Amino acid sequence: MSALAWLIPVALFLGLLGLAAFLWALNRGQFEDLDGAAYRILEDDPAEREPGRDTDRG
């Protein structure tokens, strides 16, 4: 029974923390453009250099 005394407040706190994070993201415009990322991945942008390759070394 003593485990419930601290598990319930911890669960409520984590739930409120998740709700606060969701509301923060909602107010910051995180969910405004849901289709943009799906279309951006299909666009061909020329890469200036490949990631992970060091062009300065011979």
PDB file of N, CA and C in Angstrom:
ATOM      1  N   MET A   1       0.814  -1.196   0.000  1.00  0.00           N
ATOM      2  CA  MET A   1       0.000   0.000   0.000  1.00  0.00           C
ATOM      3  C   MET A   1       0.859   1.262   0.000  1.00  0.00           C
ATOM      4  N   SER A   2       2.031   1.177   0.627  1.00  0.00           N
ATOM      5  CA  SER A   2       2.882   2.366   0.667  1.00  0.00           C
ATOM      6  C   SER A   2       3.468   2.683  -0.714  1.00  0.00           C
ATOM      7  N   ALA A   3       3.563   1.660  -1.566  1.00  0.00           N
ATOM      8  CA  ALA A   3       4.064   1.911  -2.914  1.00  0.00           C
ATOM      9  C   ALA A   3       3.095   2.778  -3.708  1.00  0.00           C
ATOM     10  N   LEU A   4       1.811   2.577  -3.480  1.00  0.00           N
ATOM     11  CA  LEU A   4       0.818   3.395  -4.168  1.00  0.00           C
ATOM     12  C   LEU A   4       0.873   4.847  -3.714  1.00  0.00           C
ATOM     13  N   ALA A   5       1.322   5.071  -2.504  1.00  0.00           N
ATOM     14  CA  ALA A   5       1.398   6.431  -1.966  1.00  0.00           C
ATOM     15  C   ALA A   5       2.376   7.288  -2.751  1.00  0.00           C
ATOM     16  N   TRP A   6       3.390   6.681  -3.337  1.00  0.00           N
ATOM     17  CA  TRP A   6       4.300   7.485  -4.151  1.00  0.00           C
ATOM     18  C   TRP A   6       4.151   7.200  -5.635  1.00  0.00           C
ATOM     19  N   LEU A   7       3.602   6.071  -6.051  1.00  0.00           N
ATOM     20  CA  LEU A   7       3.408   5.787  -7.470  1.00  0.00           C
ATOM     21  C   LEU A   7       2.315   6.654  -8.093  1.00  0.00           C
ATOM     22  N   ILE A   8       1.245   6.887  -7.374  1.00  0.00           N
ATOM     23  CA  ILE A   8       0.155   7.702  -7.923  1.00  0.00           C
ATOM     24  C   ILE A   8       0.591   9.154  -8.134  1.00  0.00           C
ATOM     25  N   PRO A   9       1.234   9.812  -7.175  1.00  0.00           N
ATOM     26  CA  PRO A   9       1.700  11.177  -7.450  1.00  0.00           C
ATOM     27  C   PRO A   9       2.756  11.246  -8.556  1.00  0.00           C
ATOM     28  N   VAL A  10       3.624  10.253  -8.623  1.00  0.00           N
ATOM     29  CA  VAL A  10       4.632  10.242  -9.690  1.00  0.00           C
ATOM     30  C   VAL A  10       3.953  10.097 -11.050  1.00  0.00           C
ATOM     31  N   ALA A  11       2.956   9.220 -11.142  1.00  0.00           N
ATOM     32  CA  ALA A  11       2.236   9.036 -12.401  1.00  0.00           C
ATOM     33  C   ALA A  11       1.486  10.301 -12.784  1.00  0.00           C
ATOM     34  N   LEU A  12       0.869  10.958 -11.837  1.00  0.00           N
ATOM     35  CA  LEU A  12       0.173  12.216 -12.121  1.00  0.00           C
ATOM     36  C   LEU A  12       1.146  13.298 -12.564  1.00  0.00           C
ATOM     37  N   PHE A  13       2.295  13.366 -11.913  1.00  0.00           N
ATOM     38  CA  PHE A  13       3.298  14.355 -12.293  1.00  0.00           C
ATOM     39  C   PHE A  13       3.803  14.117 -13.712  1.00  0.00           C
ATOM     40  N   LEU A  14       4.093  12.860 -14.058  1.00  0.00           N
ATOM     41  CA  LEU A  14       4.570  12.554 -15.401  1.00  0.00           C
ATOM     42  C   LEU A  14       3.504  12.819 -16.458  1.00  0.00           C
ATOM     43  N   GLY A  15       2.257  12.557 -16.118  1.00  0.00           N
ATOM     44  CA  GLY A  15       1.165  12.867 -17.033  1.00  0.00           C
ATOM     45  C   GLY A  15       1.035  14.359 -17.271  1.00  0.00           C
ATOM     46  N   LEU A  16       1.114  15.137 -16.211  1.00  0.00           N
ATOM     47  CA  LEU A  16       1.061  16.596 -16.355  1.00  0.00           C
ATOM     48  C   LEU A  16       2.271  17.136 -17.089  1.00  0.00           C
ATOM     49  N   LEU A  17       3.425  16.529 -16.883  1.00  0.00           N
ATOM     50  CA  LEU A  17       4.625  16.941 -17.597  1.00  0.00           C
ATOM     51  C   LEU A  17       4.481  16.674 -19.099  1.00  0.00           C
ATOM     52  N   GLY A  18       3.930  15.527 -19.459  1.00  0.00           N
ATOM     53  CA  GLY A  18       3.682  15.220 -20.857  1.00  0.00           C
ATOM     54  C   GLY A  18       2.669  16.154 -21.477  1.00  0.00           C
ATOM     55  N   LEU A  19       1.615  16.482 -20.733  1.00  0.00           N
ATOM     56  CA  LEU A  19       0.610  17.419 -21.223  1.00  0.00           C
ATOM     57  C   LEU A  19       1.216  18.804 -21.416  1.00  0.00           C
ATOM     58  N   ALA A  20       2.054  19.231 -20.490  1.00  0.00           N
ATOM     59  CA  ALA A  20       2.715  20.535 -20.617  1.00  0.00           C
ATOM     60  C   ALA A  20       3.641  20.557 -21.831  1.00  0.00           C
ATOM     61  N   ALA A  21       4.353  19.468 -22.083  1.00  0.00           N
ATOM     62  CA  ALA A  21       5.233  19.415 -23.252  1.00  0.00           C
ATOM     63  C   ALA A  21       4.425  19.453 -24.540  1.00  0.00           C
ATOM     64  N   PHE A  22       3.298  18.774 -24.572  1.00  0.00           N
ATOM     65  CA  PHE A  22       2.435  18.803 -25.748  1.00  0.00           C
ATOM     66  C   PHE A  22       1.882  20.194 -25.987  1.00  0.00           C
ATOM     67  N   LEU A  23       1.400  20.849 -24.938  1.00  0.00           N
ATOM     68  CA  LEU A  23       0.863  22.199 -25.096  1.00  0.00           C
ATOM     69  C   LEU A  23       1.942  23.189 -25.495  1.00  0.00           C
ATOM     70  N   TRP A  24       3.152  23.018 -24.976  1.00  0.00           N
ATOM     71  CA  TRP A  24       4.261  23.883 -25.367  1.00  0.00           C
ATOM     72  C   TRP A  24       4.560  23.735 -26.859  1.00  0.00           C
ATOM     73  N   ALA A  25       4.605  22.483 -27.345  1.00  0.00           N
ATOM     74  CA  ALA A  25       4.866  22.243 -28.767  1.00  0.00           C
ATOM     75  C   ALA A  25       3.725  22.774 -29.626  1.00  0.00           C
ATOM     76  N   LEU A  26       2.513  22.675 -29.136  1.00  0.00           N
ATOM     77  CA  LEU A  26       1.357  23.173 -29.869  1.00  0.00           C
ATOM     78  C   LEU A  26       1.415  24.688 -30.003  1.00  0.00           C
ATOM     79  N   ASN A  27       1.802  25.373 -28.940  1.00  0.00           N
ATOM     80  CA  ASN A  27       1.899  26.834 -28.984  1.00  0.00           C
ATOM     81  C   ASN A  27       3.082  27.309 -29.812  1.00  0.00           C
ATOM     82  N   ARG A  28       4.122  26.504 -29.941  1.00  0.00           N
ATOM     83  CA  ARG A  28       5.295  26.880 -30.722  1.00  0.00           C
ATOM     84  C   ARG A  28       5.127  26.585 -32.214  1.00  0.00           C
ATOM     85  N   GLY A  29       3.977  26.028 -32.613  1.00  0.00           N
ATOM     86  CA  GLY A  29       3.725  25.784 -34.025  1.00  0.00           C
ATOM     87  C   GLY A  29       4.319  24.495 -34.549  1.00  0.00           C
ATOM     88  N   GLN A  30       4.587  23.549 -33.693  1.00  0.00           N
ATOM     89  CA  GLN A  30       5.211  22.295 -34.094  1.00  0.00           C
ATOM     90  C   GLN A  30       4.307  21.492 -35.021  1.00  0.00           C
ATOM     91  N   PHE A  31       3.007  21.621 -34.890  1.00  0.00           N
ATOM     92  CA  PHE A  31       2.069  20.797 -35.640  1.00  0.00           C
ATOM     93  C   PHE A  31       1.355  21.582 -36.741  1.00  0.00           C
ATOM     94  N   GLU A  32       1.893  22.712 -37.156  1.00  0.00           N
ATOM     95  CA  GLU A  32       1.244  23.538 -38.166  1.00  0.00           C
ATOM     96  C   GLU A  32       1.340  22.938 -39.565  1.00  0.00           C
ATOM     97  N   ASP A  33       2.504  22.426 -39.931  1.00  0.00           N
ATOM     98  CA  ASP A  33       2.734  21.930 -41.287  1.00  0.00           C
ATOM     99  C   ASP A  33       3.008  20.436 -41.233  1.00  0.00           C
ATOM    100  N   LEU A  34       1.956  19.642 -41.234  1.00  0.00           N
ATOM    101  CA  LEU A  34       2.125  18.200 -41.097  1.00  0.00           C
ATOM    102  C   LEU A  34       2.555  17.541 -42.400  1.00  0.00           C
ATOM    103  N   ASP A  35       2.209  18.134 -43.547  1.00  0.00           N
ATOM    104  CA  ASP A  35       2.550  17.529 -44.834  1.00  0.00           C
ATOM    105  C   ASP A  35       3.871  18.044 -45.386  1.00  0.00           C
ATOM    106  N   GLY A  36       4.417  19.094 -44.824  1.00  0.00           N
ATOM    107  CA  GLY A  36       5.635  19.690 -45.359  1.00  0.00           C
ATOM    108  C   GLY A  36       6.823  18.752 -45.344  1.00  0.00           C
ATOM    109  N   ALA A  37       7.015  18.029 -44.270  1.00  0.00           N
ATOM    110  CA  ALA A  37       8.151  17.112 -44.178  1.00  0.00           C
ATOM    111  C   ALA A  37       8.006  15.966 -45.175  1.00  0.00           C
ATOM    112  N   ALA A  38       6.788  15.540 -45.433  1.00  0.00           N
ATOM    113  CA  ALA A  38       6.563  14.455 -46.388  1.00  0.00           C
ATOM    114  C   ALA A  38       6.935  14.888 -47.800  1.00  0.00           C
ATOM    115  N   TYR A  39       6.692  16.146 -48.140  1.00  0.00           N
ATOM    116  CA  TYR A  39       7.046  16.630 -49.476  1.00  0.00           C
ATOM    117  C   TYR A  39       8.511  17.039 -49.563  1.00  0.00           C
ATOM    118  N   ARG A  40       9.072  17.551 -48.468  1.00  0.00           N
ATOM    119  CA  ARG A  40      10.471  17.987 -48.489  1.00  0.00           C
ATOM    120  C   ARG A  40      11.425  16.821 -48.698  1.00  0.00           C
ATOM    121  N   ILE A  41      11.059  15.652 -48.223  1.00  0.00           N
ATOM    122  CA  ILE A  41      11.960  14.510 -48.368  1.00  0.00           C
ATOM    123  C   ILE A  41      12.040  14.055 -49.825  1.00  0.00           C
ATOM    124  N   LEU A  42      11.045  14.399 -50.623  1.00  0.00           N
ATOM    125  CA  LEU A  42      11.029  13.998 -52.029  1.00  0.00           C
ATOM    126  C   LEU A  42      11.772  14.974 -52.930  1.00  0.00           C
ATOM    127  N   GLU A  43      12.058  16.179 -52.437  1.00  0.00           N
ATOM    128  CA  GLU A  43      12.756  17.170 -53.239  1.00  0.00           C
ATOM    129  C   GLU A  43      14.221  16.792 -53.388  1.00  0.00           C
ATOM    130  N   ASP A  44      14.762  17.055 -54.572  1.00  0.00           N
ATOM    131  CA  ASP A  44      16.171  16.785 -54.834  1.00  0.00           C
ATOM    132  C   ASP A  44      16.978  18.053 -54.604  1.00  0.00           C
ATOM    133  N   ASP A  45      17.766  18.063 -53.569  1.00  0.00           N
ATOM    134  CA  ASP A  45      18.670  19.166 -53.291  1.00  0.00           C
ATOM    135  C   ASP A  45      20.089  18.662 -53.517  1.00  0.00           C
ATOM    136  N   PRO A  46      20.859  19.381 -54.320  1.00  0.00           N
ATOM    137  CA  PRO A  46      22.239  18.929 -54.518  1.00  0.00           C
ATOM    138  C   PRO A  46      23.043  19.062 -53.232  1.00  0.00           C
ATOM    139  N   ALA A  47      23.696  17.998 -52.852  1.00  0.00           N
ATOM    140  CA  ALA A  47      24.515  18.009 -51.638  1.00  0.00           C
ATOM    141  C   ALA A  47      25.845  18.677 -51.951  1.00  0.00           C
ATOM    142  N   GLU A  48      26.266  19.577 -51.094  1.00  0.00           N
ATOM    143  CA  GLU A  48      27.538  20.255 -51.316  1.00  0.00           C
ATOM    144  C   GLU A  48      28.701  19.301 -51.068  1.00  0.00           C
ATOM    145  N   ARG A  49      28.594  18.500 -50.057  1.00  0.00           N
ATOM    146  CA  ARG A  49      29.585  17.460 -49.814  1.00  0.00           C
ATOM    147  C   ARG A  49      28.933  16.356 -49.001  1.00  0.00           C
ATOM    148  N   GLU A  50      29.459  15.196 -49.131  1.00  0.00           N
ATOM    149  CA  GLU A  50      28.876  14.054 -48.457  1.00  0.00           C
ATOM    150  C   GLU A  50      29.195  14.124 -46.970  1.00  0.00           C
ATOM    151  N   PRO A  51      28.227  13.851 -46.131  1.00  0.00           N
ATOM    152  CA  PRO A  51      28.507  13.865 -44.693  1.00  0.00           C
ATOM    153  C   PRO A  51      29.421  12.703 -44.314  1.00  0.00           C
ATOM    154  N   GLY A  52      30.319  12.968 -43.419  1.00  0.00           N
ATOM    155  CA  GLY A  52      31.217  11.941 -42.943  1.00  0.00           C
ATOM    156  C   GLY A  52      32.519  11.849 -43.720  1.00  0.00           C
ATOM    157  N   ARG A  53      32.595  12.566 -44.803  1.00  0.00           N
ATOM    158  CA  ARG A  53      33.840  12.553 -45.588  1.00  0.00           C
ATOM    159  C   ARG A  53      34.609  13.828 -45.319  1.00  0.00           C
ATOM    160  N   ASP A  54      35.883  13.675 -45.064  1.00  0.00           N
ATOM    161  CA  ASP A  54      36.758  14.806 -44.821  1.00  0.00           C
ATOM    162  C   ASP A  54      37.500  15.100 -46.110  1.00  0.00           C
ATOM    163  N   THR A  55      37.162  16.224 -46.782  1.00  0.00           N
ATOM    164  CA  THR A  55      37.758  16.537 -48.076  1.00  0.00           C
ATOM    165  C   THR A  55      39.121  17.228 -47.932  1.00  0.00           C
ATOM    166  N   ASP A  56      39.469  17.659 -46.715  1.00  0.00           N
ATOM    167  CA  ASP A  56      40.746  18.348 -46.528  1.00  0.00           C
ATOM    168  C   ASP A  56      41.925  17.373 -46.553  1.00  0.00           C
ATOM    169  N   ARG A  57      41.685  16.144 -46.176  1.00  0.00           N
ATOM    170  CA  ARG A  57      42.791  15.177 -46.155  1.00  0.00           C
ATOM    171  C   ARG A  57      42.956  14.552 -47.529  1.00  0.00           C
ATOM    172  N   GLY A  58      44.171  14.235 -47.882  1.00  0.00           N
ATOM    173  CA  GLY A  58      44.464  13.693 -49.197  1.00  0.00           C
ATOM    174  C   GLY A  58      44.310  12.259 -49.201  1.00  0.00           C
TER     175      GLY A  58
END
